């Protein structure tokens, strides 16, 4: 943002004459926005000649040849580039470029630089640097207030109060104005002895050391932030882990802090994170006021209701949401849907959980195991942990043990309960018709769900069954294929077969008799004999 220059590796790239550099600068200043020929000509030339359009096309051609990395595209008589533009704050912005457009951009960038510098000095107060900044911009009140705060926090209360009287005299003499509210507030806080450092929250949960995969989703999220990113998928698919990984990758871009919220009263938790206890009134408006001019990273985990996060976005800050249901009513959210890992990612994750040598020794058995777990991270982690605790077991041994009927029919295997925990939690959120529908298809061991067949099996009205199926698709327990057809993921199918068997008794229900919904208790869990089905 000083002189328009470019480098490839360590070698500077020749960008051509001034007007060609001006065309490049105009495109970069409008990064990602299509500019028509007329718009570009008006930006580069104050008084363009008839040959300006031809000159513009020549410059665009040369820029393409010189910097193919820019991916400069032509569309509908206009041009677009997408690039990361960095201002290193060296020299005059857009030095050497002259037009009304660039003069205005110079002023804008200059103001932005000053504000950015003050943001940095607020986050990391340094008395000497603040004194230099105040000397360069003596009439700006914000750096004066920051300097007073920094002096006070260094134990130099007298100097801080003296500085207030100095700036007050200067403002009256130069502008005929009393100090503004920020200066007066800091002055009052110093007199009252209640000035403290602003709270900088760092609440991100730890990143998982064995996090694996999701490269495509991560790339899409990184390209979206600081816009709002939503992550949706069935329980146990790794939404929180993915949100946490993304948060740790980008937290350096949000120096005012990272806030992690899990709960319904999101606005109150955000305010509490920045030091506002027991907020009253319009909490969303108060949060927007507190976050104005700052860059926070906010991760809201397991959003239940769109109203909880509506109106909380602020310019410069970013939000990452996780939700079982995709909240269509929230505008401006880029949603990422996740399910099982890819085959390669699942193999890699199993190798981390079990150890490379043991996983690689039985590739075919490992593939069978991963396929039956729908390559979901949670059950892979559980079964990998179980095998790790048995160093002399092979995957084949585990498969045989799980396929064998247990004599201890009433004993609950802990690893079974752990694997099924997310789906048990998901089941508790289902309505009776939704739960009954899954149980019906689990008993039939059906993979593809047809709405007509679903109506016949469940006894529900054909019109109502579409609503039930769509509700199940909304929480990702089934996957929509085409209109009227859905797929039941294998791990969901297996788990609900276990749930069906655990809640049924041979003397009560025949093999083809529907199990009443009320016969499925919230805490129903499978016995070991039924658990063996998970590997069949």
Protein backbone atom coordinates (compact mmCIF):
# COMPACT_ATOMS: atom_id res chain seq x y z
CA UNK A 1 0.00 0.00 0.00
CA UNK A 2 3.02 2.25 -0.41
CA UNK A 3 4.35 2.30 -3.98
CA UNK A 4 2.59 -0.38 -6.05
CA UNK A 5 5.20 -3.16 -6.23
CA UNK A 6 5.25 -6.94 -6.42
CA UNK A 7 7.65 -9.75 -5.61
CA UNK A 8 7.80 -13.39 -6.58
CA UNK A 9 9.84 -15.16 -3.95
CA UNK A 10 12.75 -12.79 -3.39
CA UNK A 11 12.76 -11.20 -6.83
CA UNK A 12 10.85 -7.99 -7.56
CA UNK A 13 8.46 -8.15 -10.51
CA UNK A 14 8.46 -5.29 -13.02
CA UNK A 15 4.90 -3.92 -13.13
CA UNK A 16 5.23 -1.56 -16.07
CA UNK A 17 4.34 2.13 -16.43
CA UNK A 18 2.41 4.22 -13.89
CA UNK A 19 -0.99 3.80 -15.52
CA UNK A 20 -0.60 0.03 -15.65
CA UNK A 21 0.24 0.02 -11.94
CA UNK A 22 -2.81 2.22 -11.39
CA UNK A 23 -5.05 -0.35 -13.10
CA UNK A 24 -3.59 -3.07 -10.90
CA UNK A 25 -4.08 -0.95 -7.76
CA UNK A 26 -7.71 -0.20 -8.64
CA UNK A 27 -8.42 -3.92 -9.09
CA UNK A 28 -6.74 -4.81 -5.80
CA UNK A 29 -8.54 -2.06 -3.89
CA UNK A 30 -11.79 -3.65 -5.08
CA UNK A 31 -10.68 -7.21 -4.33
CA UNK A 32 -13.29 -9.73 -5.45
CA UNK A 33 -15.58 -7.07 -6.98
CA UNK A 34 -16.29 -6.96 -10.70
CA UNK A 35 -15.32 -3.58 -12.20
CA UNK A 36 -16.62 -2.57 -15.59
CA UNK A 37 -14.43 -0.90 -18.22
CA UNK A 38 -16.07 2.45 -17.50
CA UNK A 39 -15.51 2.11 -13.75
CA UNK A 40 -11.84 1.27 -14.18
CA UNK A 41 -11.28 4.08 -16.67
CA UNK A 42 -12.92 6.54 -14.27
CA UNK A 43 -10.68 5.38 -11.43
CA UNK A 44 -7.42 5.59 -13.36
CA UNK A 45 -7.99 8.69 -15.51
CA UNK A 46 -9.64 11.93 -14.36
CA UNK A 47 -10.03 13.13 -17.94
CA UNK A 48 -9.93 10.00 -20.12
CA UNK A 49 -9.35 10.19 -23.87
CA UNK A 50 -11.24 8.01 -26.39
CA UNK A 51 -8.27 5.64 -26.46
CA UNK A 52 -8.48 4.96 -22.70
CA UNK A 53 -10.53 1.76 -23.08
CA UNK A 54 -8.01 0.31 -25.54
CA UNK A 55 -5.16 1.28 -23.22
CA UNK A 56 -7.01 -0.36 -20.33
CA UNK A 57 -7.34 -3.64 -22.23
CA UNK A 58 -3.64 -3.55 -23.08
CA UNK A 59 -2.72 -3.00 -19.42
CA UNK A 60 -5.00 -5.86 -18.29
CA UNK A 61 -3.39 -8.17 -20.84
CA UNK A 62 0.10 -7.26 -19.59
CA UNK A 63 -0.92 -7.66 -15.94
CA UNK A 64 -2.22 -11.16 -16.74
CA UNK A 65 1.07 -12.07 -18.37
CA UNK A 66 3.14 -10.57 -15.55
CA UNK A 67 1.10 -11.87 -12.58
CA UNK A 68 -0.78 -15.05 -13.57
CA UNK A 69 -1.19 -15.82 -9.86
CA UNK A 70 -3.81 -13.06 -9.61
CA UNK A 71 -6.24 -15.07 -11.71
CA UNK A 72 -7.51 -11.87 -13.32
CA UNK A 73 -10.84 -12.77 -14.89
CA UNK A 74 -12.90 -11.03 -17.61
CA UNK A 75 -16.68 -11.24 -17.40
CA UNK A 76 -19.49 -9.22 -18.99
CA UNK A 77 -17.21 -6.43 -20.08
CA UNK A 78 -15.49 -6.15 -16.70
CA UNK A 79 -12.63 -7.54 -14.64
CA UNK A 80 -12.19 -9.20 -11.24
CA UNK A 81 -9.19 -10.27 -9.16
CA UNK A 82 -9.10 -12.17 -5.90
CA UNK A 83 -6.03 -11.67 -3.76
CA UNK A 84 -4.97 -11.10 -0.17
CA UNK A 85 -4.00 -7.44 0.13
CA UNK A 86 -1.64 -6.46 2.95
CA UNK A 87 -0.71 -2.93 4.03
CA UNK A 88 2.75 -2.93 5.60
CA UNK A 89 2.30 0.76 6.56
CA UNK A 90 5.48 1.85 4.79
CA UNK A 91 5.43 5.12 2.94
CA UNK A 92 2.53 7.05 1.51
CA UNK A 93 -0.38 4.84 0.43
CA UNK A 94 -0.56 4.38 -3.35
CA UNK A 95 2.52 6.51 -3.83
CA UNK A 96 2.91 7.91 -7.34
CA UNK A 97 -0.70 7.30 -8.43
CA UNK A 98 -2.65 10.45 -9.24
CA UNK A 99 -6.40 10.74 -9.81
CA UNK A 100 -9.40 11.86 -7.78
CA UNK A 101 -10.12 8.22 -7.00
CA UNK A 102 -6.63 7.48 -5.67
CA UNK A 103 -6.54 10.73 -3.71
CA UNK A 104 -9.73 9.67 -1.93
CA UNK A 105 -8.34 6.18 -1.34
CA UNK A 106 -5.17 7.69 0.10
CA UNK A 107 -7.22 9.57 2.69
CA UNK A 108 -9.26 6.48 3.51
CA UNK A 109 -6.21 4.28 3.90
CA UNK A 110 -4.45 6.93 5.95
CA UNK A 111 -7.38 7.10 8.38
CA UNK A 112 -7.55 3.32 8.49
CA UNK A 113 -3.84 3.09 9.28
CA UNK A 114 -4.17 5.54 12.17
CA UNK A 115 -7.13 3.68 13.61
CA UNK A 116 -5.40 0.32 13.19
CA UNK A 117 -2.32 1.65 14.97
CA UNK A 118 -4.47 2.85 17.83
CA UNK A 119 -6.23 -0.53 18.00
CA UNK A 120 -2.82 -2.19 18.38
CA UNK A 121 -1.76 0.30 21.07
CA UNK A 122 -4.99 -0.33 22.95
CA UNK A 123 -4.40 -4.09 22.94
CA UNK A 124 -0.70 -3.75 23.82
CA UNK A 125 -0.24 -0.38 25.58
CA UNK A 126 3.28 1.06 25.37
CA UNK A 127 3.86 4.50 26.90
CA UNK A 128 6.74 5.42 24.59
CA UNK A 129 4.90 4.39 21.42
CA UNK A 130 1.76 6.17 22.60
CA UNK A 131 3.75 9.35 23.24
CA UNK A 132 5.11 9.18 19.67
CA UNK A 133 1.62 8.66 18.28
CA UNK A 134 0.19 11.54 20.32
CA UNK A 135 2.97 13.82 19.06
CA UNK A 136 2.10 12.90 15.47
CA UNK A 137 -1.66 13.40 15.98
CA UNK A 138 -1.99 15.89 18.86
CA UNK A 139 -5.73 16.57 18.42
CA UNK A 140 -6.89 12.94 18.37
CA UNK A 141 -8.51 12.20 21.71
CA UNK A 142 -8.42 8.39 21.61
CA UNK A 143 -4.60 8.06 21.80
CA UNK A 144 -4.59 10.68 24.56
CA UNK A 145 -7.02 8.55 26.56
CA UNK A 146 -4.92 5.44 25.88
CA UNK A 147 -1.79 7.26 27.06
CA UNK A 148 -3.51 8.37 30.27
CA UNK A 149 -4.62 4.79 30.89
CA UNK A 150 -1.11 3.40 30.22
CA UNK A 151 0.53 5.98 32.53
CA UNK A 152 -1.92 5.20 35.33
CA UNK A 153 -1.43 1.44 35.02
CA UNK A 154 2.34 1.98 35.26
CA UNK A 155 1.78 3.75 38.59
CA UNK A 156 2.25 7.26 37.14
CA UNK A 157 -1.08 8.67 38.29
CA UNK A 158 0.18 12.25 38.58
CA UNK A 159 1.48 12.27 34.99
CA UNK A 160 -1.80 10.80 33.73
CA UNK A 161 -3.83 13.57 35.40
CA UNK A 162 -1.40 16.22 34.22
CA UNK A 163 -1.74 14.94 30.67
CA UNK A 164 -5.51 15.41 30.87
CA UNK A 165 -5.08 19.09 31.81
CA UNK A 166 -2.60 19.55 28.96
CA UNK A 167 -4.89 18.09 26.33
CA UNK A 168 -7.88 20.00 27.70
CA UNK A 169 -6.00 23.29 27.35
CA UNK A 170 -4.91 22.34 23.81
CA UNK A 171 -8.43 21.43 22.68
CA UNK A 172 -9.88 24.63 24.07
CA UNK A 173 -7.17 26.74 22.46
CA UNK A 174 -7.19 25.02 19.04
CA UNK A 175 -10.82 23.97 18.65
CA UNK A 176 -12.74 25.78 21.37
CA UNK A 177 -13.97 22.39 22.66
CA UNK A 178 -13.91 20.60 26.00
CA UNK A 179 -12.52 17.03 26.05
CA UNK A 180 -14.90 14.37 24.73
CA UNK A 181 -16.59 11.58 26.70
CA UNK A 182 -13.74 9.05 26.39
CA UNK A 183 -11.16 11.42 27.86
CA UNK A 184 -13.54 12.54 30.61
CA UNK A 185 -14.38 8.93 31.48
CA UNK A 186 -10.71 7.92 31.82
CA UNK A 187 -10.08 11.07 33.90
CA UNK A 188 -12.97 10.17 36.24
CA UNK A 189 -11.84 6.54 36.52
CA UNK A 190 -8.33 7.66 37.51
CA UNK A 191 -9.72 10.02 40.15
CA UNK A 192 -11.94 7.24 41.51
CA UNK A 193 -9.17 4.63 41.37
CA UNK A 194 -11.26 2.12 39.41
CA UNK A 195 -9.37 2.06 36.11
CA UNK A 196 -8.49 -1.49 35.06
CA UNK A 197 -7.11 -3.19 31.99
CA UNK A 198 -9.75 -4.22 29.43
CA UNK A 199 -10.57 -7.92 29.66
CA UNK A 200 -9.20 -10.03 26.81
CA UNK A 201 -11.03 -13.36 26.77
CA UNK A 202 -9.19 -16.48 25.61
CA UNK A 203 -11.85 -19.14 25.96
CA UNK A 204 -11.24 -21.50 23.04
CA UNK A 205 -11.30 -25.08 24.20
CA UNK A 206 -8.06 -27.01 23.53
CA UNK A 207 -7.50 -28.29 20.03
CA UNK A 208 -7.56 -32.08 19.63
CA UNK A 209 -4.06 -33.45 19.14
CA UNK A 210 -5.41 -36.26 16.95
CA UNK A 211 -7.74 -34.11 14.83
CA UNK A 212 -7.85 -35.59 11.34
CA UNK A 213 -9.19 -34.55 7.96
CA UNK A 214 -11.87 -32.01 7.02
CA UNK A 215 -9.39 -30.18 4.76
CA UNK A 216 -12.07 -29.05 2.31
CA UNK A 217 -14.36 -27.72 5.04
CA UNK A 218 -11.47 -25.93 6.76
CA UNK A 219 -10.44 -24.25 3.51
CA UNK A 220 -14.00 -23.06 2.91
CA UNK A 221 -14.25 -21.69 6.45
CA UNK A 222 -10.92 -19.86 6.21
CA UNK A 223 -12.10 -18.25 3.00
CA UNK A 224 -15.38 -17.15 4.63
CA UNK A 225 -14.16 -15.65 7.92
CA UNK A 226 -14.68 -13.02 9.25
CA UNK A 227 -18.09 -13.80 7.80
CA UNK A 228 -20.25 -16.17 9.82
CA UNK A 229 -19.59 -19.90 9.40
CA UNK A 230 -22.12 -22.55 10.43
CA UNK A 231 -21.23 -26.22 10.89
CA UNK A 232 -24.08 -28.72 10.82
CA UNK A 233 -24.21 -32.50 11.04
CA UNK A 234 -25.51 -35.37 13.16
CA UNK A 235 -24.41 -35.74 16.75
CA UNK A 236 -21.01 -37.39 16.99
CA UNK A 237 -19.85 -36.18 13.57
CA UNK A 238 -17.22 -33.83 15.04
CA UNK A 239 -18.82 -30.38 14.70
CA UNK A 240 -17.29 -29.00 17.89
CA UNK A 241 -13.87 -30.44 17.07
CA UNK A 242 -13.96 -28.83 13.62
CA UNK A 243 -15.08 -25.46 15.00
CA UNK A 244 -12.29 -25.61 17.57
CA UNK A 245 -9.66 -26.49 14.96
CA UNK A 246 -10.79 -23.58 12.74
CA UNK A 247 -10.77 -21.27 15.75
CA UNK A 248 -7.18 -22.12 16.64
CA UNK A 249 -6.09 -21.66 13.03
CA UNK A 250 -7.50 -18.13 12.80
CA UNK A 251 -7.31 -16.79 16.36
CA UNK A 252 -4.30 -14.64 15.46
CA UNK A 253 -6.59 -12.68 13.13
CA UNK A 254 -8.79 -11.69 16.09
CA UNK A 255 -6.49 -10.03 18.62
CA UNK A 256 -9.24 -8.76 20.94
CA UNK A 257 -9.98 -12.26 22.12
CA UNK A 258 -11.74 -15.55 21.52
CA UNK A 259 -15.04 -16.38 23.20
CA UNK A 260 -16.53 -19.86 23.45
CA UNK A 261 -20.22 -20.12 24.35
CA UNK A 262 -22.34 -23.20 24.95
CA UNK A 263 -25.82 -22.38 26.17
CA UNK A 264 -29.06 -20.67 25.30
CA UNK A 265 -28.38 -17.15 26.60
CA UNK A 266 -25.59 -16.39 24.15
CA UNK A 267 -25.73 -12.59 24.45
CA UNK A 268 -25.32 -12.72 28.24
CA UNK A 269 -22.34 -15.05 27.95
CA UNK A 270 -20.68 -12.78 25.40
CA UNK A 271 -21.14 -9.76 27.65
CA UNK A 272 -19.85 -11.67 30.66
CA UNK A 273 -16.73 -12.58 28.68
CA UNK A 274 -15.91 -8.88 28.18
CA UNK A 275 -16.61 -7.94 31.81
CA UNK A 276 -20.31 -7.05 31.86
CA UNK A 277 -21.94 -8.94 34.70
CA UNK A 278 -25.74 -9.24 35.05
CA UNK A 279 -26.61 -7.31 31.88
CA UNK A 280 -30.14 -5.93 31.55
CA UNK A 281 -32.15 -4.48 28.68
CA UNK A 282 -31.35 -5.22 25.05
CA UNK A 283 -28.39 -7.54 25.51
CA UNK A 284 -27.72 -7.91 21.78
CA UNK A 285 -27.50 -4.12 21.36
CA UNK A 286 -25.20 -3.86 24.39
CA UNK A 287 -22.94 -6.58 22.93
CA UNK A 288 -22.75 -4.78 19.59
CA UNK A 289 -21.76 -1.60 21.43
CA UNK A 290 -19.05 -3.40 23.41
CA UNK A 291 -17.71 -5.15 20.30
CA UNK A 292 -17.74 -2.08 18.06
CA UNK A 293 -14.31 -1.43 16.58
CA UNK A 294 -12.91 -4.70 17.96
CA UNK A 295 -12.10 -8.06 16.44
CA UNK A 296 -13.44 -10.99 18.43
CA UNK A 297 -13.68 -14.62 17.39
CA UNK A 298 -16.93 -16.05 18.78
CA UNK A 299 -17.62 -19.80 18.73
CA UNK A 300 -21.19 -20.72 19.69
CA UNK A 301 -21.49 -24.47 20.17
CA UNK A 302 -24.70 -26.46 19.77
CA UNK A 303 -27.03 -23.61 18.84
CA UNK A 304 -30.60 -24.69 19.59
CA UNK A 305 -32.48 -21.63 18.39
CA UNK A 306 -31.72 -19.05 15.71
CA UNK A 307 -33.01 -16.29 18.00
CA UNK A 308 -30.12 -16.97 20.40
CA UNK A 309 -27.52 -15.71 17.90
CA UNK A 310 -29.55 -13.35 15.73
CA UNK A 311 -28.36 -9.69 15.79
CA UNK A 312 -25.02 -10.56 17.45
CA UNK A 313 -22.77 -10.11 14.40
CA UNK A 314 -20.45 -7.10 14.47
CA UNK A 315 -18.14 -5.74 11.74
CA UNK A 316 -14.60 -7.08 12.06
CA UNK A 317 -15.53 -9.91 14.38
CA UNK A 318 -16.32 -13.46 13.32
CA UNK A 319 -18.75 -16.15 14.46
CA UNK A 320 -18.51 -19.91 14.10
CA UNK A 321 -21.77 -21.71 14.89
CA UNK A 322 -22.37 -25.42 15.37
CA UNK A 323 -25.88 -26.81 15.20
CA UNK A 324 -27.46 -30.18 14.55
CA UNK A 325 -30.14 -28.40 12.53
CA UNK A 326 -29.21 -26.04 9.74
CA UNK A 327 -30.77 -22.73 10.78
CA UNK A 328 -32.09 -21.53 7.43
CA UNK A 329 -33.65 -18.43 8.96
CA UNK A 330 -30.23 -16.92 9.80
CA UNK A 331 -29.08 -14.68 6.93
CA UNK A 332 -25.52 -14.47 5.69
CA UNK A 333 -24.25 -17.76 7.14
CA UNK A 334 -21.98 -20.05 5.12
CA UNK A 335 -23.02 -23.55 6.18
CA UNK A 336 -20.69 -26.53 6.15
CA UNK A 337 -22.35 -29.93 6.39
CA UNK A 338 -20.21 -32.73 7.79
CA UNK A 339 -20.84 -36.45 8.17
CA UNK A 340 -18.37 -39.33 8.13
CA UNK A 341 -14.73 -38.81 7.24
CA UNK A 342 -13.47 -39.71 3.79
CA UNK A 343 -12.02 -43.20 3.41
CA UNK A 344 -8.46 -41.89 3.55
CA UNK A 345 -9.19 -39.65 6.55
CA UNK A 346 -10.95 -42.46 8.41
CA UNK A 347 -7.97 -44.80 7.89
CA UNK A 348 -5.61 -42.09 9.10
CA UNK A 349 -7.76 -41.44 12.18
CA UNK A 350 -7.90 -45.14 13.04
CA UNK A 351 -4.12 -45.33 12.69
CA UNK A 352 -3.82 -42.50 15.22
CA UNK A 353 -6.30 -44.10 17.63
CA UNK A 354 -4.97 -47.65 17.35
CA UNK A 355 -1.38 -47.19 16.21
CA UNK A 356 -0.07 -47.40 12.63
CA UNK A 357 1.41 -50.88 12.90
CA UNK A 358 -1.75 -52.56 14.19
CA UNK A 359 -4.08 -50.72 11.81
CA UNK A 360 -1.89 -51.40 8.77
CA UNK A 361 -1.51 -55.08 9.66
CA UNK A 362 -5.21 -55.76 8.93
CA UNK A 363 -6.28 -53.38 6.16
CA UNK A 364 -9.34 -55.40 5.07
CA UNK A 365 -10.67 -55.80 8.60
CA UNK A 366 -10.02 -52.10 9.25
CA UNK A 367 -12.09 -51.16 6.19
CA UNK A 368 -14.97 -53.36 7.36
CA UNK A 369 -14.84 -51.76 10.79
CA UNK A 370 -14.76 -48.19 9.45
CA UNK A 371 -17.56 -48.80 6.96
CA UNK A 372 -19.84 -50.17 9.66
CA UNK A 373 -19.15 -47.14 11.82
CA UNK A 374 -20.04 -44.86 8.86
CA UNK A 375 -16.51 -43.43 9.26
CA UNK A 376 -17.80 -41.18 12.07
CA UNK A 377 -15.05 -39.78 14.31
CA UNK A 378 -16.73 -40.50 17.65
CA UNK A 379 -17.25 -44.28 17.32
CA UNK A 380 -13.85 -44.65 15.62
CA UNK A 381 -12.24 -42.98 18.62
CA UNK A 382 -14.10 -45.26 21.06
CA UNK A 383 -13.33 -48.53 19.27
CA UNK A 384 -9.74 -47.45 18.71
CA UNK A 385 -9.38 -46.76 22.43
CA UNK A 386 -10.86 -50.15 23.29
CA UNK A 387 -8.35 -51.95 21.07
CA UNK A 388 -5.48 -49.82 22.36
CA UNK A 389 -6.30 -51.03 25.85
CA UNK A 390 -5.89 -54.60 24.60
CA UNK A 391 -2.40 -54.60 23.08
CA UNK A 392 -2.50 -58.32 22.20
CA UNK A 393 -5.79 -58.11 20.34
CA UNK A 394 -6.09 -57.83 16.59
CA UNK A 395 -8.97 -56.13 14.79
CA UNK A 396 -10.15 -59.60 13.69
CA UNK A 397 -10.27 -60.73 17.32
CA UNK A 398 -12.38 -57.72 18.19
CA UNK A 399 -14.77 -58.48 15.34
CA UNK A 400 -15.16 -62.12 16.46
CA UNK A 401 -15.69 -61.11 20.08
CA UNK A 402 -18.38 -58.61 19.13
CA UNK A 403 -20.14 -61.13 16.89
CA UNK A 404 -20.36 -63.73 19.64
CA UNK A 405 -23.46 -63.80 21.76
CA UNK A 406 -22.69 -62.97 25.35
CA UNK A 407 -23.96 -65.06 28.22
CA UNK A 408 -24.19 -61.90 30.34
CA UNK A 409 -27.31 -60.61 28.61
CA UNK A 410 -28.05 -57.91 31.19
CA UNK A 411 -24.55 -56.40 31.39
CA UNK A 412 -24.03 -53.20 29.43
CA UNK A 413 -20.65 -53.01 27.66
CA UNK A 414 -19.21 -49.56 28.49
CA UNK A 415 -17.70 -49.11 25.02
CA UNK A 416 -21.11 -49.79 23.45
CA UNK A 417 -22.75 -47.10 25.57
CA UNK A 418 -19.91 -44.69 24.77
CA UNK A 419 -20.20 -45.26 21.01
CA UNK A 420 -23.96 -44.81 21.03
CA UNK A 421 -24.05 -41.82 23.40
CA UNK A 422 -24.45 -39.12 20.70
CA UNK A 423 -27.30 -41.01 19.01
CA UNK A 424 -29.00 -41.72 22.34
CA UNK A 425 -28.87 -37.97 22.99
CA UNK A 426 -30.23 -37.31 19.49
CA UNK A 427 -33.10 -39.77 20.06
CA UNK A 428 -34.24 -37.88 23.14
CA UNK A 429 -34.87 -34.83 20.94
CA UNK A 430 -37.11 -36.75 18.51
CA UNK A 431 -40.88 -36.72 18.50
CA UNK A 432 -42.72 -40.01 18.94
CA UNK A 433 -43.50 -40.36 15.19
CA UNK A 434 -39.85 -39.64 14.29
CA UNK A 435 -38.56 -42.20 16.77
CA UNK A 436 -41.11 -44.76 15.63
CA UNK A 437 -40.10 -44.24 11.99
CA UNK A 438 -36.43 -44.96 12.71
CA UNK A 439 -37.31 -48.02 14.76
CA UNK A 440 -39.42 -49.38 11.91
CA UNK A 441 -36.62 -49.10 9.39
CA UNK A 442 -34.05 -50.39 11.86
CA UNK A 443 -36.08 -53.58 12.33
CA UNK A 444 -36.26 -54.04 8.55
CA UNK A 445 -32.53 -53.21 8.23
CA UNK A 446 -33.41 -50.93 5.31
CA UNK A 447 -30.79 -48.63 3.86
CA UNK A 448 -32.88 -46.65 1.37
CA UNK A 449 -36.11 -45.18 2.70
CA UNK A 450 -39.04 -44.75 0.33
CA UNK A 451 -41.82 -42.49 1.60
CA UNK A 452 -44.57 -44.81 0.38
CA UNK A 453 -43.01 -47.84 2.06
CA UNK A 454 -42.42 -45.73 5.17
CA UNK A 455 -46.12 -44.89 5.36
CA UNK A 456 -47.05 -48.59 5.04
CA UNK A 457 -44.61 -49.73 7.70
CA UNK A 458 -45.33 -47.02 10.25
CA UNK A 459 -49.08 -46.83 9.72
CA UNK A 460 -48.84 -43.06 9.28
CA UNK A 461 -50.73 -41.00 6.75
CA UNK A 462 -48.83 -40.64 3.46
CA UNK A 463 -49.02 -36.85 3.71
CA UNK A 464 -47.71 -36.77 7.26
CA UNK A 465 -44.84 -39.16 6.58
CA UNK A 466 -43.01 -36.61 4.38
CA UNK A 467 -42.94 -34.21 7.32
CA UNK A 468 -41.52 -36.93 9.56
CA UNK A 469 -38.84 -37.87 7.04
CA UNK A 470 -37.88 -34.24 6.46
CA UNK A 471 -37.60 -33.71 10.20
CA UNK A 472 -35.22 -36.67 10.47
CA UNK A 473 -33.22 -35.35 7.53
CA UNK A 474 -33.01 -32.00 9.28
CA UNK A 475 -31.06 -33.57 12.15
CA UNK A 476 -29.03 -35.73 9.73
CA UNK A 477 -30.27 -39.09 10.97
CA UNK A 478 -31.27 -39.81 7.38
CA UNK A 479 -29.84 -38.33 4.17
CA UNK A 480 -32.09 -36.96 1.39
CA UNK A 481 -31.41 -38.53 -2.03
CA UNK A 482 -34.21 -37.51 -4.40
CA UNK A 483 -37.78 -36.43 -3.73
CA UNK A 484 -39.40 -39.11 -1.59
CA UNK A 485 -36.24 -41.20 -1.07
CA UNK A 486 -33.75 -41.08 1.81
CA UNK A 487 -30.75 -43.08 2.95
CA UNK A 488 -30.28 -44.35 6.49
CA UNK A 489 -26.53 -44.25 7.39
CA UNK A 490 -25.25 -47.64 8.43
CA UNK A 491 -24.15 -46.65 11.92
CA UNK A 492 -27.54 -45.01 12.61
CA UNK A 493 -29.28 -48.14 11.32
CA UNK A 494 -27.19 -50.41 13.52
CA UNK A 495 -27.64 -48.28 16.63
CA UNK A 496 -31.40 -48.08 16.26
CA UNK A 497 -31.55 -51.83 15.70
CA UNK A 498 -29.80 -52.18 19.03
CA UNK A 499 -32.19 -49.71 20.62
CA UNK A 500 -35.18 -51.58 19.17
CA UNK A 501 -33.98 -54.94 20.48
CA UNK A 502 -33.08 -53.51 23.87
CA UNK A 503 -36.59 -52.14 24.33
CA UNK A 504 -38.38 -55.27 23.08
CA UNK A 505 -39.04 -58.66 24.68
CA UNK A 506 -39.73 -61.90 22.71
CA UNK A 507 -42.80 -62.72 24.80
CA UNK A 508 -44.32 -59.32 24.12
CA UNK A 509 -43.66 -58.59 20.48
CA UNK A 510 -43.52 -60.82 17.45
CA UNK A 511 -40.84 -60.36 14.80
CA UNK A 512 -43.14 -58.38 12.53
CA UNK A 513 -45.13 -56.57 15.19
CA UNK A 514 -44.55 -52.82 15.58
CA UNK A 515 -43.05 -51.77 18.90
CA UNK A 516 -45.12 -49.05 20.59
CA UNK A 517 -43.23 -45.76 20.91
CA UNK A 518 -43.79 -45.68 24.65
CA UNK A 519 -41.92 -48.98 24.94
CA UNK A 520 -38.64 -47.17 24.21
CA UNK A 521 -37.44 -45.64 27.50
CA UNK A 522 -35.05 -42.68 27.43
CA UNK A 523 -32.28 -44.66 29.10
CA UNK A 524 -32.76 -47.87 27.07
CA UNK A 525 -29.39 -49.39 26.24
CA UNK A 526 -28.49 -52.62 24.41
CA UNK A 527 -27.25 -55.79 26.03
CA UNK A 528 -24.10 -57.54 24.87
CA UNK A 529 -25.95 -60.06 22.75
CA UNK A 530 -27.62 -57.28 20.77
CA UNK A 531 -24.41 -55.28 20.75
CA UNK A 532 -22.90 -58.09 18.71
CA UNK A 533 -25.14 -56.94 15.83
CA UNK A 534 -22.99 -53.87 15.31
CA UNK A 535 -20.35 -56.00 13.61
CA UNK A 536 -22.63 -58.27 11.58
